[in-house]
Amino acid sequence: MTTDAMARVTQSQALPVEHLVRLHLELTRGLVSPGGPEGGSVRVGILDGTVDGPAMRGRVAPLVGGVVAHLRGEGDAHVVFELVLVSDDHAHVDVRGEGILRLSERRVLRGGCTFHTGVEHLAWLNHVHAVCLGTGGRDELTVDLHQVL
């Protein structure tokens, strides 16, 4: 949906969400595996990243998580991702999700994710399902996570 189309959605139709964080990810070059039942796949690692938002601030743990994209024949890919967020106070939060990545010149991600942490002050995230909206290029991706209320 374009920005203009989103602006036309009335308040009664809008999904109730609250912004949690913005992630900026620096990605490795992709490892391409051709073939497979859905087509080829591409795996990328996370070199570095930042976390910034009302829920927490910090970094994305480097070289811990990654993204697997199963290429589909229509200009998009089904993606599955895992990463670890490390807050400024050293709390760790695992993030797991999946979605659809549009493979245009400017990549567009739409998906959902959940969280797992044993840190008491962030334990509320264990009960959150978030919508993921992102854009990026070949070696970077910026993703906003919004809690579904």
N, C-alpha and C. Protein backbone atom coordinates (compact mmCIF):
# COMPACT_ATOMS: atom_id res chain seq x y z
N MET A 1 0.85 -1.17 0.00
CA MET A 1 0.00 0.00 0.00
C MET A 1 0.89 1.23 0.00
N THR A 2 0.58 2.17 -0.85
CA THR A 2 1.36 3.39 -0.92
C THR A 2 1.06 4.29 0.28
N THR A 3 1.91 5.28 0.47
CA THR A 3 1.69 6.23 1.56
C THR A 3 0.37 6.95 1.38
N ASP A 4 0.04 7.32 0.14
CA ASP A 4 -1.23 7.99 -0.13
C ASP A 4 -2.41 7.10 0.22
N ALA A 5 -2.30 5.82 -0.15
CA ALA A 5 -3.39 4.89 0.14
C ALA A 5 -3.54 4.71 1.65
N MET A 6 -2.40 4.66 2.37
CA MET A 6 -2.48 4.51 3.82
C MET A 6 -3.14 5.73 4.45
N ALA A 7 -2.89 6.91 3.90
CA ALA A 7 -3.47 8.13 4.44
C ALA A 7 -4.99 8.14 4.27
N ARG A 8 -5.49 7.42 3.28
CA ARG A 8 -6.93 7.38 3.03
C ARG A 8 -7.68 6.42 3.94
N VAL A 9 -6.95 5.57 4.67
CA VAL A 9 -7.61 4.64 5.57
C VAL A 9 -8.22 5.44 6.72
N THR A 10 -9.48 5.23 6.98
CA THR A 10 -10.13 5.97 8.06
C THR A 10 -9.70 5.42 9.41
N GLN A 11 -9.88 6.20 10.43
CA GLN A 11 -9.50 5.80 11.78
C GLN A 11 -10.19 4.51 12.19
N SER A 12 -11.44 4.32 11.82
CA SER A 12 -12.17 3.12 12.23
C SER A 12 -11.63 1.87 11.53
N GLN A 13 -10.94 2.03 10.40
CA GLN A 13 -10.38 0.89 9.68
C GLN A 13 -8.93 0.61 10.05
N ALA A 14 -8.28 1.53 10.70
CA ALA A 14 -6.85 1.40 10.98
C ALA A 14 -6.59 0.35 12.04
N LEU A 15 -5.51 -0.40 11.87
CA LEU A 15 -5.08 -1.36 12.86
C LEU A 15 -4.47 -0.61 14.03
N PRO A 16 -4.95 -0.86 15.25
CA PRO A 16 -4.40 -0.12 16.40
C PRO A 16 -2.99 -0.62 16.75
N VAL A 17 -2.01 0.25 16.57
CA VAL A 17 -0.62 -0.10 16.85
C VAL A 17 0.06 1.01 17.62
N GLU A 18 1.19 0.66 18.22
CA GLU A 18 2.03 1.64 18.92
C GLU A 18 3.48 1.37 18.52
N HIS A 19 4.19 2.43 18.14
CA HIS A 19 5.58 2.27 17.70
C HIS A 19 6.46 1.80 18.86
N LEU A 20 7.25 0.75 18.59
CA LEU A 20 8.17 0.22 19.60
C LEU A 20 9.59 0.70 19.36
N VAL A 21 10.14 0.34 18.20
CA VAL A 21 11.54 0.68 17.89
C VAL A 21 11.73 0.78 16.38
N ARG A 22 12.80 1.45 16.02
CA ARG A 22 13.30 1.43 14.64
C ARG A 22 14.64 0.70 14.68
N LEU A 23 14.79 -0.27 13.80
CA LEU A 23 16.04 -1.01 13.65
C LEU A 23 16.71 -0.57 12.36
N HIS A 24 17.99 -0.31 12.43
CA HIS A 24 18.76 -0.11 11.21
C HIS A 24 19.80 -1.21 11.17
N LEU A 25 19.75 -2.04 10.12
CA LEU A 25 20.60 -3.22 10.01
C LEU A 25 21.59 -3.06 8.87
N GLU A 26 22.85 -3.37 9.13
CA GLU A 26 23.86 -3.47 8.09
C GLU A 26 24.05 -4.95 7.82
N LEU A 27 23.90 -5.35 6.54
CA LEU A 27 23.83 -6.76 6.17
C LEU A 27 25.08 -7.21 5.41
N THR A 28 25.38 -8.51 5.52
CA THR A 28 26.46 -9.10 4.74
C THR A 28 26.00 -9.30 3.30
N ARG A 29 26.92 -9.64 2.43
CA ARG A 29 26.54 -10.05 1.08
C ARG A 29 25.77 -11.36 1.19
N GLY A 30 24.86 -11.56 0.28
CA GLY A 30 24.03 -12.75 0.32
C GLY A 30 24.74 -14.00 -0.18
N LEU A 31 24.45 -15.13 0.44
CA LEU A 31 24.88 -16.44 -0.02
C LEU A 31 23.69 -17.05 -0.75
N VAL A 32 23.82 -17.21 -2.06
CA VAL A 32 22.70 -17.67 -2.89
C VAL A 32 22.78 -19.18 -3.07
N SER A 33 21.65 -19.84 -2.80
CA SER A 33 21.50 -21.28 -3.05
C SER A 33 20.44 -21.45 -4.12
N PRO A 34 20.84 -21.82 -5.34
CA PRO A 34 19.85 -21.94 -6.42
C PRO A 34 18.98 -23.18 -6.25
N GLY A 35 17.82 -23.16 -6.93
CA GLY A 35 16.93 -24.32 -6.92
C GLY A 35 16.07 -24.37 -5.67
N GLY A 36 15.50 -25.52 -5.42
CA GLY A 36 14.61 -25.71 -4.27
C GLY A 36 13.17 -25.67 -4.72
N PRO A 37 12.26 -26.18 -3.89
CA PRO A 37 10.86 -26.29 -4.29
C PRO A 37 10.17 -24.96 -4.58
N GLU A 38 10.59 -23.89 -3.90
CA GLU A 38 9.98 -22.58 -4.13
C GLU A 38 10.86 -21.71 -5.01
N GLY A 39 12.00 -22.20 -5.42
CA GLY A 39 12.99 -21.41 -6.12
C GLY A 39 14.23 -21.33 -5.25
N GLY A 40 15.14 -20.43 -5.58
CA GLY A 40 16.37 -20.30 -4.82
C GLY A 40 16.16 -19.63 -3.48
N SER A 41 17.23 -19.60 -2.69
CA SER A 41 17.17 -18.89 -1.42
C SER A 41 18.44 -18.07 -1.26
N VAL A 42 18.34 -17.05 -0.44
CA VAL A 42 19.47 -16.17 -0.14
C VAL A 42 19.55 -16.04 1.37
N ARG A 43 20.77 -16.20 1.91
CA ARG A 43 21.00 -16.03 3.33
C ARG A 43 21.93 -14.83 3.53
N VAL A 44 21.55 -13.94 4.44
CA VAL A 44 22.40 -12.80 4.78
C VAL A 44 22.56 -12.73 6.29
N GLY A 45 23.73 -12.29 6.72
CA GLY A 45 23.99 -12.08 8.14
C GLY A 45 23.84 -10.62 8.49
N ILE A 46 23.83 -10.36 9.77
CA ILE A 46 23.73 -8.99 10.27
C ILE A 46 25.10 -8.58 10.80
N LEU A 47 25.73 -7.62 10.12
CA LEU A 47 27.05 -7.14 10.53
C LEU A 47 26.99 -6.24 11.75
N ASP A 48 25.97 -5.40 11.79
CA ASP A 48 25.84 -4.42 12.86
C ASP A 48 24.46 -3.81 12.75
N GLY A 49 24.07 -3.05 13.76
CA GLY A 49 22.78 -2.39 13.69
C GLY A 49 22.50 -1.59 14.93
N THR A 50 21.50 -0.73 14.82
CA THR A 50 21.08 0.10 15.94
C THR A 50 19.61 -0.13 16.24
N VAL A 51 19.24 0.13 17.49
CA VAL A 51 17.86 0.04 17.97
C VAL A 51 17.54 1.38 18.60
N ASP A 52 16.45 2.01 18.17
CA ASP A 52 16.10 3.31 18.72
C ASP A 52 14.59 3.45 18.76
N GLY A 53 14.05 3.72 19.94
CA GLY A 53 12.61 3.93 20.04
C GLY A 53 12.16 3.99 21.48
N PRO A 54 10.86 4.15 21.67
CA PRO A 54 10.34 4.27 23.02
C PRO A 54 10.47 2.99 23.85
N ALA A 55 10.51 1.83 23.22
CA ALA A 55 10.60 0.58 23.98
C ALA A 55 12.02 0.31 24.47
N MET A 56 13.02 0.67 23.67
CA MET A 56 14.41 0.48 24.07
C MET A 56 15.35 1.16 23.09
N ARG A 57 16.58 1.36 23.55
CA ARG A 57 17.66 1.89 22.71
C ARG A 57 18.85 0.97 22.90
N GLY A 58 19.63 0.84 21.82
CA GLY A 58 20.81 0.00 21.93
C GLY A 58 21.33 -0.41 20.57
N ARG A 59 21.80 -1.67 20.48
CA ARG A 59 22.42 -2.18 19.26
C ARG A 59 21.80 -3.52 18.90
N VAL A 60 21.98 -3.88 17.66
CA VAL A 60 21.65 -5.23 17.21
C VAL A 60 22.95 -6.02 17.32
N ALA A 61 22.90 -7.17 17.99
CA ALA A 61 24.11 -7.98 18.17
C ALA A 61 24.65 -8.40 16.81
N PRO A 62 25.92 -8.12 16.53
CA PRO A 62 26.49 -8.47 15.22
C PRO A 62 26.76 -9.96 15.11
N LEU A 63 26.58 -10.48 13.90
CA LEU A 63 26.93 -11.84 13.53
C LEU A 63 26.25 -12.91 14.37
N VAL A 64 25.11 -12.59 14.97
CA VAL A 64 24.36 -13.56 15.77
C VAL A 64 23.13 -14.03 15.01
N GLY A 65 22.40 -13.11 14.43
CA GLY A 65 21.18 -13.46 13.72
C GLY A 65 21.37 -13.39 12.23
N GLY A 66 20.27 -13.54 11.53
CA GLY A 66 20.34 -13.45 10.09
C GLY A 66 18.98 -13.54 9.45
N VAL A 67 19.00 -13.51 8.13
CA VAL A 67 17.78 -13.52 7.33
C VAL A 67 17.91 -14.60 6.27
N VAL A 68 16.86 -15.40 6.10
CA VAL A 68 16.79 -16.35 4.99
C VAL A 68 15.62 -15.91 4.13
N ALA A 69 15.89 -15.69 2.86
CA ALA A 69 14.86 -15.27 1.91
C ALA A 69 14.66 -16.38 0.88
N HIS A 70 13.45 -16.94 0.83
CA HIS A 70 13.10 -17.95 -0.17
C HIS A 70 12.48 -17.21 -1.35
N LEU A 71 13.20 -17.20 -2.46
CA LEU A 71 12.79 -16.43 -3.63
C LEU A 71 11.56 -17.05 -4.27
N ARG A 72 10.63 -16.20 -4.62
CA ARG A 72 9.42 -16.62 -5.31
C ARG A 72 9.45 -16.00 -6.70
N GLY A 73 8.70 -16.56 -7.62
CA GLY A 73 8.81 -16.14 -9.01
C GLY A 73 8.11 -14.86 -9.37
N GLU A 74 7.63 -14.09 -8.43
CA GLU A 74 6.83 -12.91 -8.73
C GLU A 74 7.46 -11.62 -8.24
N GLY A 75 8.79 -11.61 -8.10
CA GLY A 75 9.46 -10.39 -7.67
C GLY A 75 9.46 -10.16 -6.18
N ASP A 76 9.20 -11.22 -5.40
CA ASP A 76 9.28 -11.08 -3.96
C ASP A 76 9.85 -12.35 -3.34
N ALA A 77 10.06 -12.30 -2.04
CA ALA A 77 10.62 -13.42 -1.31
C ALA A 77 9.92 -13.56 0.03
N HIS A 78 9.76 -14.81 0.47
CA HIS A 78 9.29 -15.08 1.83
C HIS A 78 10.53 -15.07 2.72
N VAL A 79 10.56 -14.20 3.73
CA VAL A 79 11.73 -14.08 4.59
C VAL A 79 11.43 -14.56 6.00
N VAL A 80 12.42 -15.18 6.59
CA VAL A 80 12.40 -15.58 7.99
C VAL A 80 13.64 -14.97 8.62
N PHE A 81 13.47 -14.32 9.77
CA PHE A 81 14.63 -13.65 10.37
C PHE A 81 14.67 -13.87 11.87
N GLU A 82 15.89 -13.82 12.39
CA GLU A 82 16.15 -13.88 13.82
C GLU A 82 17.28 -12.92 14.12
N LEU A 83 17.14 -12.18 15.21
CA LEU A 83 18.20 -11.29 15.63
C LEU A 83 18.11 -11.06 17.13
N VAL A 84 19.18 -10.53 17.69
CA VAL A 84 19.23 -10.25 19.12
C VAL A 84 19.46 -8.76 19.31
N LEU A 85 18.57 -8.14 20.07
CA LEU A 85 18.72 -6.73 20.43
C LEU A 85 19.44 -6.65 21.77
N VAL A 86 20.36 -5.71 21.90
CA VAL A 86 21.07 -5.50 23.17
C VAL A 86 20.83 -4.05 23.56
N SER A 87 20.11 -3.86 24.67
CA SER A 87 19.77 -2.50 25.09
C SER A 87 20.98 -1.80 25.68
N ASP A 88 20.87 -0.49 25.84
CA ASP A 88 21.95 0.30 26.42
C ASP A 88 22.30 -0.16 27.84
N ASP A 89 21.34 -0.81 28.54
CA ASP A 89 21.64 -1.35 29.87
C ASP A 89 21.98 -2.84 29.81
N HIS A 90 22.35 -3.33 28.61
CA HIS A 90 22.86 -4.68 28.37
C HIS A 90 21.81 -5.79 28.48
N ALA A 91 20.55 -5.45 28.38
CA ALA A 91 19.48 -6.46 28.34
C ALA A 91 19.41 -7.06 26.94
N HIS A 92 19.20 -8.37 26.86
CA HIS A 92 19.10 -9.05 25.57
C HIS A 92 17.65 -9.40 25.28
N VAL A 93 17.23 -9.15 24.02
CA VAL A 93 15.89 -9.49 23.57
C VAL A 93 16.02 -10.20 22.22
N ASP A 94 15.56 -11.45 22.16
CA ASP A 94 15.53 -12.19 20.90
C ASP A 94 14.31 -11.75 20.11
N VAL A 95 14.48 -11.57 18.81
CA VAL A 95 13.38 -11.21 17.91
C VAL A 95 13.32 -12.26 16.81
N ARG A 96 12.13 -12.82 16.59
CA ARG A 96 11.92 -13.80 15.52
C ARG A 96 10.73 -13.36 14.70
N GLY A 97 10.86 -13.48 13.38
CA GLY A 97 9.73 -13.08 12.56
C GLY A 97 9.81 -13.59 11.15
N GLU A 98 8.80 -13.23 10.40
CA GLU A 98 8.76 -13.56 8.99
C GLU A 98 7.87 -12.58 8.26
N GLY A 99 8.01 -12.57 6.95
CA GLY A 99 7.21 -11.65 6.15
C GLY A 99 7.50 -11.81 4.68
N ILE A 100 7.09 -10.83 3.93
CA ILE A 100 7.29 -10.79 2.49
C ILE A 100 8.19 -9.60 2.18
N LEU A 101 9.24 -9.86 1.40
CA LEU A 101 10.18 -8.83 0.99
C LEU A 101 10.01 -8.60 -0.50
N ARG A 102 9.66 -7.39 -0.88
CA ARG A 102 9.51 -7.01 -2.28
C ARG A 102 10.90 -6.73 -2.83
N LEU A 103 11.27 -7.40 -3.92
CA LEU A 103 12.63 -7.33 -4.44
C LEU A 103 12.77 -6.33 -5.57
N SER A 104 12.37 -5.11 -5.33
CA SER A 104 12.57 -4.03 -6.29
C SER A 104 13.93 -3.38 -5.99
N GLU A 105 14.27 -2.31 -6.72
CA GLU A 105 15.53 -1.63 -6.46
C GLU A 105 15.60 -1.19 -4.99
N ARG A 106 14.50 -0.69 -4.48
CA ARG A 106 14.40 -0.34 -3.07
C ARG A 106 13.56 -1.43 -2.41
N ARG A 107 14.17 -2.27 -1.60
CA ARG A 107 13.46 -3.39 -0.99
C ARG A 107 12.42 -2.90 0.00
N VAL A 108 11.28 -3.60 0.05
CA VAL A 108 10.20 -3.26 0.96
C VAL A 108 9.81 -4.52 1.73
N LEU A 109 9.85 -4.45 3.07
CA LEU A 109 9.51 -5.58 3.93
C LEU A 109 8.20 -5.32 4.64
N ARG A 110 7.33 -6.32 4.66
CA ARG A 110 6.10 -6.30 5.45
C ARG A 110 6.01 -7.64 6.16
N GLY A 111 5.88 -7.62 7.48
CA GLY A 111 5.84 -8.88 8.21
C GLY A 111 5.40 -8.72 9.64
N GLY A 112 5.70 -9.72 10.43
CA GLY A 112 5.35 -9.73 11.84
C GLY A 112 6.44 -10.40 12.64
N CYS A 113 6.52 -10.09 13.94
CA CYS A 113 7.54 -10.71 14.77
C CYS A 113 7.08 -10.81 16.22
N THR A 114 7.79 -11.65 16.95
CA THR A 114 7.57 -11.82 18.39
C THR A 114 8.92 -11.68 19.10
N PHE A 115 8.86 -11.59 20.41
CA PHE A 115 10.03 -11.32 21.23
C PHE A 115 10.17 -12.37 22.33
N HIS A 116 11.41 -12.53 22.80
CA HIS A 116 11.68 -13.44 23.91
C HIS A 116 12.80 -12.83 24.75
N THR A 117 12.53 -12.63 26.03
CA THR A 117 13.56 -12.11 26.94
C THR A 117 13.30 -12.60 28.35
N GLY A 118 14.36 -12.74 29.11
CA GLY A 118 14.25 -13.08 30.52
C GLY A 118 14.50 -11.89 31.42
N VAL A 119 14.68 -10.72 30.81
CA VAL A 119 14.97 -9.50 31.56
C VAL A 119 13.67 -8.92 32.10
N GLU A 120 13.61 -8.73 33.40
CA GLU A 120 12.36 -8.36 34.07
C GLU A 120 11.72 -7.08 33.53
N HIS A 121 12.50 -6.01 33.34
CA HIS A 121 11.90 -4.74 32.92
C HIS A 121 11.45 -4.74 31.45
N LEU A 122 11.84 -5.75 30.68
CA LEU A 122 11.38 -5.86 29.29
C LEU A 122 10.50 -7.10 29.07
N ALA A 123 10.14 -7.79 30.14
CA ALA A 123 9.37 -9.04 30.02
C ALA A 123 8.00 -8.82 29.36
N TRP A 124 7.47 -7.62 29.41
CA TRP A 124 6.19 -7.33 28.75
C TRP A 124 6.28 -7.60 27.25
N LEU A 125 7.50 -7.53 26.67
CA LEU A 125 7.67 -7.80 25.24
C LEU A 125 7.35 -9.26 24.90
N ASN A 126 7.45 -10.16 25.88
CA ASN A 126 7.15 -11.58 25.64
C ASN A 126 5.70 -11.80 25.22
N HIS A 127 4.84 -10.82 25.45
CA HIS A 127 3.41 -10.94 25.15
C HIS A 127 2.99 -10.07 23.96
N VAL A 128 3.98 -9.58 23.22
CA VAL A 128 3.73 -8.64 22.12
C VAL A 128 3.87 -9.35 20.78
N HIS A 129 2.94 -9.05 19.89
CA HIS A 129 3.11 -9.38 18.47
C HIS A 129 3.25 -8.04 17.76
N ALA A 130 4.32 -7.92 16.96
CA ALA A 130 4.59 -6.64 16.30
C ALA A 130 4.47 -6.78 14.79
N VAL A 131 4.04 -5.69 14.17
CA VAL A 131 4.04 -5.56 12.73
C VAL A 131 5.37 -4.94 12.34
N CYS A 132 6.01 -5.49 11.31
CA CYS A 132 7.31 -5.00 10.83
C CYS A 132 7.12 -4.34 9.47
N LEU A 133 7.57 -3.10 9.36
CA LEU A 133 7.49 -2.36 8.10
C LEU A 133 8.88 -1.80 7.82
N GLY A 134 9.47 -2.21 6.68
CA GLY A 134 10.84 -1.79 6.43
C GLY A 134 11.14 -1.50 4.98
N THR A 135 12.24 -0.78 4.77
CA THR A 135 12.76 -0.51 3.43
C THR A 135 14.27 -0.57 3.49
N GLY A 136 14.88 -0.81 2.34
CA GLY A 136 16.33 -0.85 2.31
C GLY A 136 16.88 -1.20 0.96
N GLY A 137 18.18 -1.43 0.93
CA GLY A 137 18.87 -1.80 -0.29
C GLY A 137 19.53 -3.16 -0.12
N ARG A 138 20.55 -3.43 -0.94
CA ARG A 138 21.22 -4.73 -0.89
C ARG A 138 21.97 -4.98 0.42
N ASP A 139 22.52 -3.93 1.03
CA ASP A 139 23.37 -4.14 2.19
C ASP A 139 22.88 -3.43 3.46
N GLU A 140 21.66 -2.94 3.44
CA GLU A 140 21.10 -2.29 4.64
C GLU A 140 19.59 -2.37 4.61
N LEU A 141 19.01 -2.33 5.81
CA LEU A 141 17.56 -2.40 5.95
C LEU A 141 17.16 -1.61 7.19
N THR A 142 16.16 -0.77 7.06
CA THR A 142 15.60 -0.04 8.20
C THR A 142 14.19 -0.55 8.42
N VAL A 143 13.90 -1.00 9.65
CA VAL A 143 12.62 -1.63 9.94
C VAL A 143 12.01 -0.98 11.18
N ASP A 144 10.75 -0.57 11.05
CA ASP A 144 9.98 -0.08 12.20
C ASP A 144 9.12 -1.22 12.72
N LEU A 145 9.17 -1.42 14.05
CA LEU A 145 8.37 -2.44 14.72
C LEU A 145 7.25 -1.74 15.49
N HIS A 146 6.01 -2.16 15.24
CA HIS A 146 4.84 -1.57 15.87
C HIS A 146 4.07 -2.64 16.61
N GLN A 147 3.84 -2.43 17.89
CA GLN A 147 3.06 -3.37 18.71
C GLN A 147 1.60 -3.30 18.29
N VAL A 148 1.00 -4.47 18.04
CA VAL A 148 -0.44 -4.52 17.79
C VAL A 148 -1.12 -4.46 19.14
N LEU A 149 -2.01 -3.48 19.32
CA LEU A 149 -2.68 -3.28 20.62
C LEU A 149 -3.90 -4.17 20.76
